[in-house]
C-alpha atoms as a PDB file:
ATOM      1  CA  MET A   1      17.274 -82.037  46.715  1.00  0.00           C
ATOM      2  CA  SER A   2      13.598 -83.016  46.962  1.00  0.00           C
ATOM      3  CA  GLU A   3      12.307 -86.321  45.516  1.00  0.00           C
ATOM      4  CA  ALA A   4      11.458 -84.567  42.367  1.00  0.00           C
ATOM      5  CA  GLY A   5      14.930 -83.593  41.927  1.00  0.00           C
ATOM      6  CA  LYS A   6      14.214 -79.915  42.393  1.00  0.00           C
ATOM      7  CA  ASP A   7      16.033 -77.646  45.016  1.00  0.00           C
ATOM      8  CA  SER A   8      14.694 -76.487  47.596  1.00  0.00           C
ATOM      9  CA  LEU A   9      16.140 -73.329  48.225  1.00  0.00           C
ATOM     10  CA  LEU A  10      15.568 -71.929  44.773  1.00  0.00           C
ATOM     11  CA  VAL A  11      13.015 -69.564  45.578  1.00  0.00           C
ATOM     12  CA  ASN A  12      15.076 -68.141  48.599  1.00  0.00           C
ATOM     13  CA  LYS A  13      17.808 -67.586  46.026  1.00  0.00           C
ATOM     14  CA  VAL A  14      16.128 -65.755  43.627  1.00  0.00           C
ATOM     15  CA  MET A  15      14.750 -63.259  46.387  1.00  0.00           C
ATOM     16  CA  ALA A  16      17.929 -62.470  47.192  1.00  0.00           C
ATOM     17  CA  GLY A  17      19.645 -61.715  44.028  1.00  0.00           C
ATOM     18  CA  LEU A  18      16.392 -59.368  43.479  1.00  0.00           C
ATOM     19  CA  LEU A  19      17.496 -57.912  46.819  1.00  0.00           C
ATOM     20  CA  THR A  20      21.079 -58.069  45.779  1.00  0.00           C
ATOM     21  CA  ALA A  21      20.399 -56.030  42.982  1.00  0.00           C
ATOM     22  CA  GLY A  22      17.963 -53.210  44.605  1.00  0.00           C
ATOM     23  CA  LEU A  23      20.826 -52.540  46.900  1.00  0.00           C
ATOM     24  CA  ILE A  24      23.510 -52.021  43.949  1.00  0.00           C
ATOM     25  CA  PHE A  25      20.932 -49.944  41.963  1.00  0.00           C
ATOM     26  CA  TRP A  26      20.223 -47.245  44.987  1.00  0.00           C
ATOM     27  CA  GLY A  27      23.560 -47.128  45.520  1.00  0.00           C
ATOM     28  CA  ALA A  28      24.937 -46.432  42.305  1.00  0.00           C
ATOM     29  CA  ASN A  29      21.786 -43.615  42.036  1.00  0.00           C
ATOM     30  CA  ARG A  30      22.952 -42.192  45.067  1.00  0.00           C
ATOM     31  CA  ILE A  31      26.568 -41.917  44.061  1.00  0.00           C
ATOM     32  CA  ALA A  32      25.448 -40.332  40.801  1.00  0.00           C
ATOM     33  CA  ASN A  33      23.833 -37.632  42.557  1.00  0.00           C
ATOM     34  CA  VAL A  34      26.930 -36.666  43.907  1.00  0.00           C
ATOM     35  CA  LEU A  35      29.011 -36.590  41.023  1.00  0.00           C
ATOM     36  CA  VAL A  36      26.622 -35.158  38.707  1.00  0.00           C
ATOM     37  CA  PRO A  37      24.169 -32.797  40.753  1.00  0.00           C
ATOM     38  CA  ASP A  38      20.731 -32.338  39.098  1.00  0.00           C
ATOM     39  CA  ASP A  39      20.771 -28.312  39.795  1.00  0.00           C
ATOM     40  CA  ALA A  40      22.342 -26.233  37.523  1.00  0.00           C
ATOM     41  CA  PRO A  41      25.631 -24.364  39.162  1.00  0.00           C
ATOM     42  CA  LYS A  42      25.184 -20.847  40.265  1.00  0.00           C
ATOM     43  CA  THR A  43      28.443 -20.338  38.043  1.00  0.00           C
ATOM     44  CA  PRO A  44      29.057 -21.856  35.174  1.00  0.00           C
ATOM     45  CA  ALA A  45      32.342 -23.873  35.024  1.00  0.00           C
ATOM     46  CA  ILE A  46      33.312 -22.417  31.564  1.00  0.00           C
ATOM     47  CA  ALA A  47      32.578 -18.683  30.991  1.00  0.00           C
ATOM     48  CA  ILE A  48      32.081 -17.596  27.517  1.00  0.00           C
ATOM     49  CA  THR A  49      33.119 -14.020  26.435  1.00  0.00           C
ATOM     50  CA  GLY A  50      32.043 -12.547  23.436  1.00  0.00           C
ATOM     51  CA  VAL A  51      28.614 -13.866  22.750  1.00  0.00           C
ATOM     52  CA  GLN A  52      25.345 -11.902  22.604  1.00  0.00           C
ATOM     53  CA  THR A  53      21.898 -12.321  22.743  1.00  0.00           C
ATOM     54  CA  ALA A  54      20.367 -12.034  19.446  1.00  0.00           C
ATOM     55  CA  SER A  55      17.491  -9.245  19.031  1.00  0.00           C
ATOM     56  CA  VAL A  56      14.994  -8.821  16.269  1.00  0.00           C
ATOM     57  CA  SER A  57      15.602  -5.439  14.764  1.00  0.00           C
ATOM     58  CA  VAL A  58      11.786  -3.903  14.600  1.00  0.00           C
ATOM     59  CA  PRO A  59      10.952  -1.504  11.494  1.00  0.00           C
ATOM     60  CA  ALA A  60      10.590   1.801  12.006  1.00  0.00           C
ATOM     61  CA  ALA A  61       6.759   3.549  12.032  1.00  0.00           C
ATOM     62  CA  PRO A  62       5.869   4.076   8.976  1.00  0.00           C
ATOM     63  CA  VAL A  63       5.325   7.393   7.665  1.00  0.00           C
ATOM     64  CA  LEU A  64       3.599   9.808   4.895  1.00  0.00           C
ATOM     65  CA  ALA A  65       5.629  12.367   2.785  1.00  0.00           C
ATOM     66  CA  SER A  66       4.328  15.971   3.750  1.00  0.00           C
ATOM     67  CA  ILE A  67       3.408  18.345   1.198  1.00  0.00           C
ATOM     68  CA  LEU A  68       3.554  21.199   3.389  1.00  0.00           C
ATOM     69  CA  PRO A  69       6.959  21.724   1.159  1.00  0.00           C
ATOM     70  CA  LEU A  70       5.140  21.257  -2.355  1.00  0.00           C
ATOM     71  CA  VAL A  71       1.382  23.090  -1.360  1.00  0.00           C
ATOM     72  CA  GLY A  72       2.672  26.550  -1.959  1.00  0.00           C
ATOM     73  CA  SER A  73       4.677  25.975  -5.571  1.00  0.00           C
ATOM     74  CA  ALA A  74       1.689  22.929  -6.689  1.00  0.00           C
ATOM     75  CA  ASP A  75       0.224  23.116 -10.279  1.00  0.00           C
ATOM     76  CA  VAL A  76      -3.038  24.403  -9.110  1.00  0.00           C
ATOM     77  CA  ALA A  77      -4.420  23.761 -12.782  1.00  0.00           C
ATOM     78  CA  LYS A  78      -3.061  20.293 -12.534  1.00  0.00           C
ATOM     79  CA  GLY A  79      -4.790  19.538  -9.349  1.00  0.00           C
ATOM     80  CA  GLN A  80      -8.060  21.198 -10.931  1.00  0.00           C
ATOM     81  CA  ALA A  81      -7.639  18.875 -13.850  1.00  0.00           C
ATOM     82  CA  PHE A  82      -7.123  15.789 -11.692  1.00  0.00           C
ATOM     83  CA  VAL A  83     -10.009  16.513  -9.792  1.00  0.00           C
ATOM     84  CA  ALA A  84     -12.322  17.132 -12.617  1.00  0.00           C
ATOM     85  CA  GLN A  85     -11.158  13.736 -13.840  1.00  0.00           C
ATOM     86  CA  GLN A  86     -11.317  11.410 -10.948  1.00  0.00           C
ATOM     87  CA  CYS A  87     -14.019  13.073  -8.233  1.00  0.00           C
ATOM     88  CA  ALA A  88     -16.301  15.178 -10.228  1.00  0.00           C
ATOM     89  CA  ALA A  89     -18.532  11.754 -10.712  1.00  0.00           C
ATOM     90  CA  CYS A  90     -19.014  11.671  -6.946  1.00  0.00           C
ATOM     91  CA  HIS A  91     -18.383  15.490  -5.735  1.00  0.00           C
ATOM     92  CA  THR A  92     -19.457  18.708  -7.041  1.00  0.00           C
ATOM     93  CA  VAL A  93     -16.685  21.757  -6.182  1.00  0.00           C
ATOM     94  CA  THR A  94     -18.902  24.863  -6.327  1.00  0.00           C
ATOM     95  CA  GLN A  95     -19.996  27.248  -3.740  1.00  0.00           C
ATOM     96  CA  GLY A  96     -23.554  25.776  -2.967  1.00  0.00           C
ATOM     97  CA  GLY A  97     -23.087  22.621  -4.551  1.00  0.00           C
ATOM     98  CA  ALA A  98     -25.461  19.757  -3.855  1.00  0.00           C
ATOM     99  CA  ASN A  99     -24.029  16.882  -2.142  1.00  0.00           C
ATOM    100  CA  GLY A 100     -23.455  13.594  -4.710  1.00  0.00           C
ATOM    101  CA  VAL A 101     -22.098  10.222  -3.903  1.00  0.00           C
ATOM    102  CA  GLY A 102     -19.658  12.229  -1.889  1.00  0.00           C
ATOM    103  CA  PRO A 103     -20.146  15.396  -0.442  1.00  0.00           C
ATOM    104  CA  ASN A 104     -19.840  19.026  -2.299  1.00  0.00           C
ATOM    105  CA  LEU A 105     -15.714  19.710  -1.800  1.00  0.00           C
ATOM    106  CA  TYR A 106     -16.178  23.526  -1.706  1.00  0.00           C
ATOM    107  CA  GLY A 107     -14.620  24.922   1.297  1.00  0.00           C
ATOM    108  CA  ILE A 108     -13.247  21.465   2.681  1.00  0.00           C
ATOM    109  CA  LEU A 109      -9.880  22.865   3.725  1.00  0.00           C
ATOM    110  CA  GLY A 110     -10.518  24.287   6.744  1.00  0.00           C
ATOM    111  CA  ALA A 111     -13.705  23.381   7.476  1.00  0.00           C
ATOM    112  CA  LYS A 112     -14.802  20.967  10.441  1.00  0.00           C
ATOM    113  CA  MET A 113     -14.225  16.984   9.250  1.00  0.00           C
ATOM    114  CA  PHE A 114     -16.740  14.916   7.923  1.00  0.00           C
ATOM    115  CA  ALA A 115     -19.471  17.375   8.515  1.00  0.00           C
ATOM    116  CA  THR A 116     -20.911  18.615   5.305  1.00  0.00           C
ATOM    117  CA  ALA A 117     -24.097  19.957   5.727  1.00  0.00           C
ATOM    118  CA  GLY A 118     -26.762  17.283   4.300  1.00  0.00           C
ATOM    119  CA  PHE A 119     -24.540  14.314   4.006  1.00  0.00           C
ATOM    120  CA  THR A 120     -24.679  11.314   5.699  1.00  0.00           C
ATOM    121  CA  TYR A 121     -21.380  10.028   6.458  1.00  0.00           C
ATOM    122  CA  SER A 122     -20.407   6.426   7.706  1.00  0.00           C
ATOM    123  CA  ASP A 123     -19.737   5.602  11.530  1.00  0.00           C
ATOM    124  CA  ALA A 124     -16.126   4.766  10.525  1.00  0.00           C
ATOM    125  CA  ALA A 125     -15.813   8.220   8.725  1.00  0.00           C
ATOM    126  CA  LYS A 126     -17.386   9.988  12.088  1.00  0.00           C
ATOM    127  CA  GLY A 127     -15.101   8.377  14.257  1.00  0.00           C
ATOM    128  CA  LYS A 128     -12.327  10.082  12.378  1.00  0.00           C
ATOM    129  CA  ALA A 129     -14.161  13.456  12.880  1.00  0.00           C
ATOM    130  CA  ASN A 130     -11.613  15.523  14.723  1.00  0.00           C
ATOM    131  CA  GLY A 131     -10.923  18.991  14.466  1.00  0.00           C
ATOM    132  CA  VAL A 132     -10.709  20.602  10.918  1.00  0.00           C
ATOM    133  CA  TRP A 133      -9.376  19.404   7.822  1.00  0.00           C
ATOM    134  CA  ASN A 134      -5.459  21.166   7.791  1.00  0.00           C
ATOM    135  CA  TYR A 135      -2.997  20.074   5.305  1.00  0.00           C
ATOM    136  CA  ASP A 136      -1.388  16.955   6.771  1.00  0.00           C
ATOM    137  CA  ASN A 137      -5.023  15.364   7.412  1.00  0.00           C
ATOM    138  CA  LEU A 138      -6.325  15.910   4.112  1.00  0.00           C
ATOM    139  CA  ASN A 139      -2.895  14.517   2.663  1.00  0.00           C
ATOM    140  CA  ALA A 140      -3.276  11.484   4.646  1.00  0.00           C
ATOM    141  CA  TRP A 141      -7.147  10.792   3.635  1.00  0.00           C
ATOM    142  CA  LEU A 142      -6.543  11.494  -0.029  1.00  0.00           C
ATOM    143  CA  ALA A 143      -3.539   9.386   0.252  1.00  0.00           C
ATOM    144  CA  ASN A 144      -5.323   6.265   1.522  1.00  0.00           C
ATOM    145  CA  PRO A 145      -8.774   7.075   2.828  1.00  0.00           C
ATOM    146  CA  ALA A 146      -9.417   3.071   3.624  1.00  0.00           C
ATOM    147  CA  GLY A 147      -6.082   3.480   5.596  1.00  0.00           C
ATOM    148  CA  PHE A 148      -7.361   6.645   7.124  1.00  0.00           C
ATOM    149  CA  ALA A 149     -10.885   5.489   8.421  1.00  0.00           C
ATOM    150  CA  PRO A 150     -11.187   1.896   8.028  1.00  0.00           C
ATOM    151  CA  GLY A 151     -14.512   0.825   6.821  1.00  0.00           C
ATOM    152  CA  THR A 152     -15.343   4.013   5.039  1.00  0.00           C
ATOM    153  CA  ALA A 153     -17.915   3.524   2.119  1.00  0.00           C
ATOM    154  CA  MET A 154     -15.419   5.967   0.063  1.00  0.00           C
ATOM    155  CA  SER A 155     -14.370   3.073  -3.044  1.00  0.00           C
ATOM    156  CA  TYR A 156     -11.305   5.555  -3.990  1.00  0.00           C
ATOM    157  CA  THR A 157      -7.924   3.527  -3.527  1.00  0.00           C
ATOM    158  CA  GLY A 158      -5.899   6.753  -3.016  1.00  0.00           C
ATOM    159  CA  ILE A 159      -3.782   9.164  -4.446  1.00  0.00           C
ATOM    160  CA  LYS A 160      -0.534   7.787  -4.266  1.00  0.00           C
ATOM    161  CA  SER A 161       1.751  10.662  -5.838  1.00  0.00           C
ATOM    162  CA  THR A 162       2.688  13.025  -3.320  1.00  0.00           C
ATOM    163  CA  ASP A 163       3.429  15.814  -6.156  1.00  0.00           C
ATOM    164  CA  THR A 164      -0.534  15.151  -7.496  1.00  0.00           C
ATOM    165  CA  ARG A 165      -1.693  15.107  -3.926  1.00  0.00           C
ATOM    166  CA  ALA A 166       0.047  18.378  -3.176  1.00  0.00           C
ATOM    167  CA  ALA A 167      -1.582  19.879  -6.299  1.00  0.00           C
ATOM    168  CA  VAL A 168      -5.077  18.404  -5.715  1.00  0.00           C
ATOM    169  CA  VAL A 169      -4.964  20.246  -2.047  1.00  0.00           C
ATOM    170  CA  ALA A 170      -3.570  23.465  -3.587  1.00  0.00           C
ATOM    171  CA  TYR A 171      -6.614  23.452  -5.968  1.00  0.00           C
ATOM    172  CA  LEU A 172      -9.363  22.661  -3.096  1.00  0.00           C
ATOM    173  CA  ARG A 173      -7.647  25.635  -1.318  1.00  0.00           C
ATOM    174  CA  THR A 174      -8.921  28.005  -4.159  1.00  0.00           C
ATOM    175  CA  LEU A 175     -12.204  26.534  -3.575  1.00  0.00           C
ATOM    176  CA  ALA A 176     -13.015  29.377  -0.568  1.00  0.00           C
ATOM    177  CA  ALA A 177     -13.925  32.670  -0.271  1.00  0.00           C
ATOM    178  CA  THR A 178     -11.085  33.125   1.818  1.00  0.00           C
ATOM    179  CA  PRO A 179      -8.293  30.449   1.344  1.00  0.00           C
ATOM    180  CA  VAL A 180      -6.457  29.589   4.257  1.00  0.00           C
ATOM    181  CA  ALA A 181      -2.741  30.436   4.852  1.00  0.00           C
ATOM    182  CA  LEU A 182       0.008  28.678   3.026  1.00  0.00           C
ATOM    183  CA  PRO A 183       2.212  26.969   5.127  1.00  0.00           C
ATOM    184  CA  THR A 184       4.752  29.105   6.840  1.00  0.00           C
ATOM    185  CA  ALA A 185       8.437  28.900   6.482  1.00  0.00           C
ATOM    186  CA  ASP A 186       8.731  27.073   9.807  1.00  0.00           C
ATOM    187  CA  GLU A 187       6.096  24.700   8.986  1.00  0.00           C
ATOM    188  CA  ILE A 188       7.825  24.062   5.852  1.00  0.00           C
ATOM    189  CA  LYS A 189      11.063  23.488   7.380  1.00  0.00           C
ATOM    190  CA  ALA A 190      10.327  21.329  10.325  1.00  0.00           C
ATOM    191  CA  ALA A 191       8.265  19.558   7.778  1.00  0.00           C
ATOM    192  CA  SER A 192      10.822  18.733   5.353  1.00  0.00           C
ATOM    193  CA  ALA A 193      13.152  17.894   8.370  1.00  0.00           C
ATOM    194  CA  ALA A 194      11.309  15.254   9.433  1.00  0.00           C
ATOM    195  CA  PRO A 195       8.205  13.521   7.625  1.00  0.00           C
ATOM    196  CA  ALA A 196       4.603  13.931   9.412  1.00  0.00           C
ATOM    197  CA  PRO A 197       4.013  10.720  10.675  1.00  0.00           C
ATOM    198  CA  ALA A 198       1.785   8.250   8.522  1.00  0.00           C
ATOM    199  CA  GLY A 199      -0.859   8.181  11.554  1.00  0.00           C
ATOM    200  CA  GLN A 200      -4.730   8.068  11.449  1.00  0.00           C
ATOM    201  CA  GLY A 201      -3.836   4.226  10.942  1.00  0.00           C
ATOM    202  CA  THR A 202      -2.384   5.581   7.274  1.00  0.00           C
ATOM    203  CA  PRO A 203      -0.005   2.648   6.027  1.00  0.00           C
ATOM    204  CA  VAL A 204       3.104   3.712   4.353  1.00  0.00           C
ATOM    205  CA  VAL A 205       2.349   5.302   0.826  1.00  0.00           C
ATOM    206  CA  PRO A 206       5.140   4.474  -1.605  1.00  0.00           C
ATOM    207  CA  PRO A 207       6.790   7.641  -3.422  1.00  0.00           C
ATOM    208  CA  GLY A 208       5.169   6.432  -6.267  1.00  0.00           C
ATOM    209  CA  ILE A 209       6.179   5.986  -9.941  1.00  0.00           C
ATOM    210  CA  ASP A 210       6.458   9.953 -10.376  1.00  0.00           C
ATOM    211  CA  PRO A 211      10.134  10.508  -9.975  1.00  0.00           C
ATOM    212  CA  LEU A 212      10.873   7.480 -12.261  1.00  0.00           C
ATOM    213  CA  PHE A 213       9.478   9.189 -15.667  1.00  0.00           C
ATOM    214  CA  ALA A 214      12.378  11.141 -15.473  1.00  0.00           C
ATOM    215  CA  LYS A 215      14.904   8.277 -16.197  1.00  0.00           C
ATOM    216  CA  ALA A 216      12.410   6.430 -18.030  1.00  0.00           C
ATOM    217  CA  ASP A 217      13.773   4.213 -21.025  1.00  0.00           C
ATOM    218  CA  LEU A 218      10.965   4.702 -24.057  1.00  0.00           C
ATOM    219  CA  ALA A 219      13.263   1.816 -26.244  1.00  0.00           C
ATOM    220  CA  LYS A 220      12.706  -0.591 -23.523  1.00  0.00           C
ATOM    221  CA  GLY A 221       9.167  -0.067 -22.679  1.00  0.00           C
ATOM    222  CA  GLN A 222       8.606  -0.053 -26.875  1.00  0.00           C
ATOM    223  CA  ALA A 223      10.358  -3.946 -26.060  1.00  0.00           C
ATOM    224  CA  VAL A 224       8.300  -4.825 -23.136  1.00  0.00           C
ATOM    225  CA  LEU A 225       4.963  -4.013 -24.978  1.00  0.00           C
ATOM    226  CA  GLU A 226       6.004  -5.554 -28.254  1.00  0.00           C
ATOM    227  CA  GLN A 227       6.691  -8.969 -26.267  1.00  0.00           C
ATOM    228  CA  GLN A 228       3.730  -9.096 -24.149  1.00  0.00           C
ATOM    229  CA  CYS A 229       0.764  -6.658 -25.217  1.00  0.00           C
ATOM    230  CA  SER A 230       1.037  -6.575 -29.017  1.00  0.00           C
ATOM    231  CA  GLY A 231      -0.517 -10.178 -29.182  1.00  0.00           C
ATOM    232  CA  CYS A 232      -4.113  -8.488 -27.815  1.00  0.00           C
ATOM    233  CA  HIS A 233      -3.246  -4.512 -28.496  1.00  0.00           C
ATOM    234  CA  ALA A 234      -2.594  -2.607 -32.058  1.00  0.00           C
ATOM    235  CA  LEU A 235      -0.302   0.272 -31.365  1.00  0.00           C
ATOM    236  CA  ALA A 236      -0.457   1.770 -34.500  1.00  0.00           C
ATOM    237  CA  LYS A 237      -2.701   4.790 -34.901  1.00  0.00           C
ATOM    238  CA  GLY A 238      -6.323   3.754 -36.204  1.00  0.00           C
ATOM    239  CA  GLY A 239      -5.000   0.148 -35.487  1.00  0.00           C
ATOM    240  CA  PRO A 240      -7.959  -2.553 -35.167  1.00  0.00           C
ATOM    241  CA  SER A 241      -9.788  -3.777 -31.569  1.00  0.00           C
ATOM    242  CA  GLY A 242      -8.463  -7.089 -31.083  1.00  0.00           C
ATOM    243  CA  VAL A 243      -9.107  -9.301 -27.782  1.00  0.00           C
ATOM    244  CA  GLY A 244      -8.058  -5.932 -26.198  1.00  0.00           C
ATOM    245  CA  PRO A 245      -8.586  -2.231 -27.858  1.00  0.00           C
ATOM    246  CA  ASP A 246      -5.899  -0.530 -29.736  1.00  0.00           C
ATOM    247  CA  ILE A 247      -3.889   1.789 -27.015  1.00  0.00           C
ATOM    248  CA  TYR A 248      -2.168   4.307 -29.818  1.00  0.00           C
ATOM    249  CA  GLY A 249      -2.609   7.492 -28.107  1.00  0.00           C
ATOM    250  CA  ILE A 250      -3.745   5.860 -24.643  1.00  0.00           C
ATOM    251  CA  VAL A 251      -2.303   8.480 -22.386  1.00  0.00           C
ATOM    252  CA  GLY A 252      -4.502  11.402 -21.606  1.00  0.00           C
ATOM    253  CA  ALA A 253      -7.437   9.480 -23.384  1.00  0.00           C
ATOM    254  CA  LYS A 254     -10.974   8.663 -21.698  1.00  0.00           C
ATOM    255  CA  MET A 255     -10.936   5.666 -19.815  1.00  0.00           C
ATOM    256  CA  PHE A 256     -12.248   2.087 -21.351  1.00  0.00           C
ATOM    257  CA  ALA A 257     -14.136   4.189 -23.898  1.00  0.00           C
ATOM    258  CA  ALA A 258     -12.052   2.972 -27.046  1.00  0.00           C
ATOM    259  CA  ALA A 259     -14.538   3.219 -30.113  1.00  0.00           C
ATOM    260  CA  GLY A 260     -15.360   0.229 -31.524  1.00  0.00           C
ATOM    261  CA  PHE A 261     -14.505  -1.984 -28.328  1.00  0.00           C
ATOM    262  CA  THR A 262     -16.946  -3.849 -26.158  1.00  0.00           C
ATOM    263  CA  TYR A 263     -15.819  -3.279 -22.558  1.00  0.00           C
ATOM    264  CA  THR A 264     -16.600  -5.682 -19.362  1.00  0.00           C
ATOM    265  CA  ASP A 265     -18.810  -4.080 -17.121  1.00  0.00           C
ATOM    266  CA  ALA A 266     -16.016  -4.198 -14.430  1.00  0.00           C
ATOM    267  CA  ALA A 267     -14.312  -1.881 -16.741  1.00  0.00           C
ATOM    268  CA  LYS A 268     -16.894   0.054 -17.349  1.00  0.00           C
ATOM    269  CA  ALA A 269     -17.849   0.654 -13.719  1.00  0.00           C
ATOM    270  CA  LYS A 270     -14.501   2.462 -13.542  1.00  0.00           C
ATOM    271  CA  ALA A 271     -15.280   4.695 -16.762  1.00  0.00           C
ATOM    272  CA  GLY A 272     -15.662   8.430 -16.368  1.00  0.00           C
ATOM    273  CA  GLY A 273     -12.153   9.776 -15.873  1.00  0.00           C
ATOM    274  CA  VAL A 274      -8.834  10.007 -18.269  1.00  0.00           C
ATOM    275  CA  TRP A 275      -5.960   7.735 -18.217  1.00  0.00           C
ATOM    276  CA  THR A 276      -3.507   9.801 -16.564  1.00  0.00           C
ATOM    277  CA  PRO A 277       0.371   8.549 -16.000  1.00  0.00           C
ATOM    278  CA  ASP A 278      -1.209   8.105 -12.591  1.00  0.00           C
ATOM    279  CA  THR A 279      -3.862   6.264 -13.097  1.00  0.00           C
ATOM    280  CA  LEU A 280      -2.331   3.821 -16.051  1.00  0.00           C
ATOM    281  CA  SER A 281       0.261   2.878 -13.716  1.00  0.00           C
ATOM    282  CA  ASP A 282      -2.120   1.608 -11.121  1.00  0.00           C
ATOM    283  CA  TRP A 283      -3.799  -0.433 -14.065  1.00  0.00           C
ATOM    284  CA  LEU A 284      -0.682  -1.765 -15.118  1.00  0.00           C
ATOM    285  CA  LYS A 285       0.397  -2.378 -12.245  1.00  0.00           C
ATOM    286  CA  ASP A 286      -2.779  -4.921 -11.429  1.00  0.00           C
ATOM    287  CA  PRO A 287      -5.340  -5.045 -13.771  1.00  0.00           C
ATOM    288  CA  ASN A 288      -7.724  -7.109 -11.774  1.00  0.00           C
ATOM    289  CA  GLY A 289      -7.038  -5.179  -8.692  1.00  0.00           C
ATOM    290  CA  PHE A 290      -7.988  -1.600 -10.466  1.00  0.00           C
ATOM    291  CA  ALA A 291     -10.941  -3.556 -12.189  1.00  0.00           C
ATOM    292  CA  PRO A 292     -12.171  -6.426 -10.131  1.00  0.00           C
ATOM    293  CA  GLY A 293     -13.601  -8.880 -12.689  1.00  0.00           C
ATOM    294  CA  THR A 294     -12.081  -7.235 -15.331  1.00  0.00           C
ATOM    295  CA  ALA A 295     -11.818  -9.919 -18.484  1.00  0.00           C
ATOM    296  CA  MET A 296      -8.104  -9.105 -18.962  1.00  0.00           C
ATOM    297  CA  SER A 297      -6.154 -11.806 -17.846  1.00  0.00           C
ATOM    298  CA  PHE A 298      -2.768  -9.693 -17.575  1.00  0.00           C
ATOM    299  CA  SER A 299      -1.302 -10.213 -14.150  1.00  0.00           C
ATOM    300  CA  GLY A 300       0.358  -6.613 -14.667  1.00  0.00           C
ATOM    301  CA  ILE A 301       3.693  -5.161 -14.336  1.00  0.00           C
ATOM    302  CA  LYS A 302       5.153  -5.413 -10.854  1.00  0.00           C
ATOM    303  CA  ASN A 303       8.342  -3.670 -11.474  1.00  0.00           C
ATOM    304  CA  ASP A 304       7.958   0.509 -11.093  1.00  0.00           C
ATOM    305  CA  GLN A 305      11.007   1.359 -13.619  1.00  0.00           C
ATOM    306  CA  VAL A 306       9.433  -1.148 -16.332  1.00  0.00           C
ATOM    307  CA  ARG A 307       5.870   0.243 -15.472  1.00  0.00           C
ATOM    308  CA  ALA A 308       7.518   4.119 -15.985  1.00  0.00           C
ATOM    309  CA  ASP A 309       9.277   2.628 -19.082  1.00  0.00           C
ATOM    310  CA  VAL A 310       5.890   1.379 -20.593  1.00  0.00           C
ATOM    311  CA  ILE A 311       3.894   4.450 -19.872  1.00  0.00           C
ATOM    312  CA  ALA A 312       6.702   7.116 -21.236  1.00  0.00           C
ATOM    313  CA  TYR A 313       6.481   5.323 -24.424  1.00  0.00           C
ATOM    314  CA  LEU A 314       2.707   4.537 -24.977  1.00  0.00           C
ATOM    315  CA  ASN A 315       2.726   8.752 -24.060  1.00  0.00           C
ATOM    316  CA  LYS A 316       5.393   9.148 -26.994  1.00  0.00           C
ATOM    317  CA  ASN A 317       3.191   6.735 -28.998  1.00  0.00           C
ATOM    318  CA  SER A 318       0.199   9.398 -29.459  1.00  0.00           C
ATOM    319  CA  ASP A 319      -0.449  12.591 -31.821  1.00  0.00           C
ATOM    320  CA  ALA A 320      -0.534  14.681 -28.454  1.00  0.00           C
ATOM    321  CA  PRO A 321       2.116  13.605 -25.693  1.00  0.00           C
ATOM    322  CA  VAL A 322       1.295  14.739 -22.574  1.00  0.00           C
ATOM    323  CA  ARG A 323       3.864  16.024 -20.153  1.00  0.00           C
ATOM    324  CA  LEU A 324       4.754  12.869 -17.422  1.00  0.00           C
ATOM    325  CA  PRO A 325       5.069  14.215 -14.189  1.00  0.00           C
ATOM    326  CA  GLY A 326       8.417  14.353 -12.597  1.00  0.00           C
ATOM    327  CA  ALA A 327      10.031  14.348 -16.055  1.00  0.00           C
END
């Protein structure tokens, strides 16, 4: 040892220890690579059978119910009444009638698409002009104008009931000096076997509420009205207006026109037709969607059958009940 009492070989011993540790680590790493290789084996050591890769089911393309099987026997008078109630504010239907907010509809079936003389169509509509209006494309347009021609200036939300669309088209067919031919038996058979593709960007159109009227429960409809609506609406004939108007005899009455009640501008903007079962269904399902800005705070009846029950009772609660579609 030195005079200071320190080991003169201490540094050498430390360096030797570090070198030895490094050699041991290197050797261990080499051995590990031999025993446990980094690369995966070409063939699994244990084959597991019966396990399949999960696949994602892609829904079928949406389809729109065809009107071909219905148009020949459709109720033309019902179609005429619907057009008078829902379309006449924007369209004329007489031969040579003037264009208004929308084009004249005389002779529309069989005419060139979006090509009525003297009417200025939106770019969205002109982009869909292709051929003539036939049963299939008129059906798709009436079901959902915004889906058929996204960006169209036509604000109408569409006719959701297949039966009603068939009746409307059957009536439009009569608006011509020479109506186009009705669908042939072969065309009807083909349409019945396979529904026509929605196409043209049209989303799925539900079957509508009409078939549900056949099994409507009037007692349930009355119960829903008394529980959820009677706080704002009178249900008796001649009942006073409250937060909302009296709704006795509302089915078949003029829209947003109850005597003595003051409607919002949002509601008055939707006035002009009558409360058909279908329009009443649209209103009851989503009041704010039907008339954005309405003062009616009710969120709507989302269940189709409950809505059918309510409308069936409202129809009965009248001096002159109408014939409900599908009933």
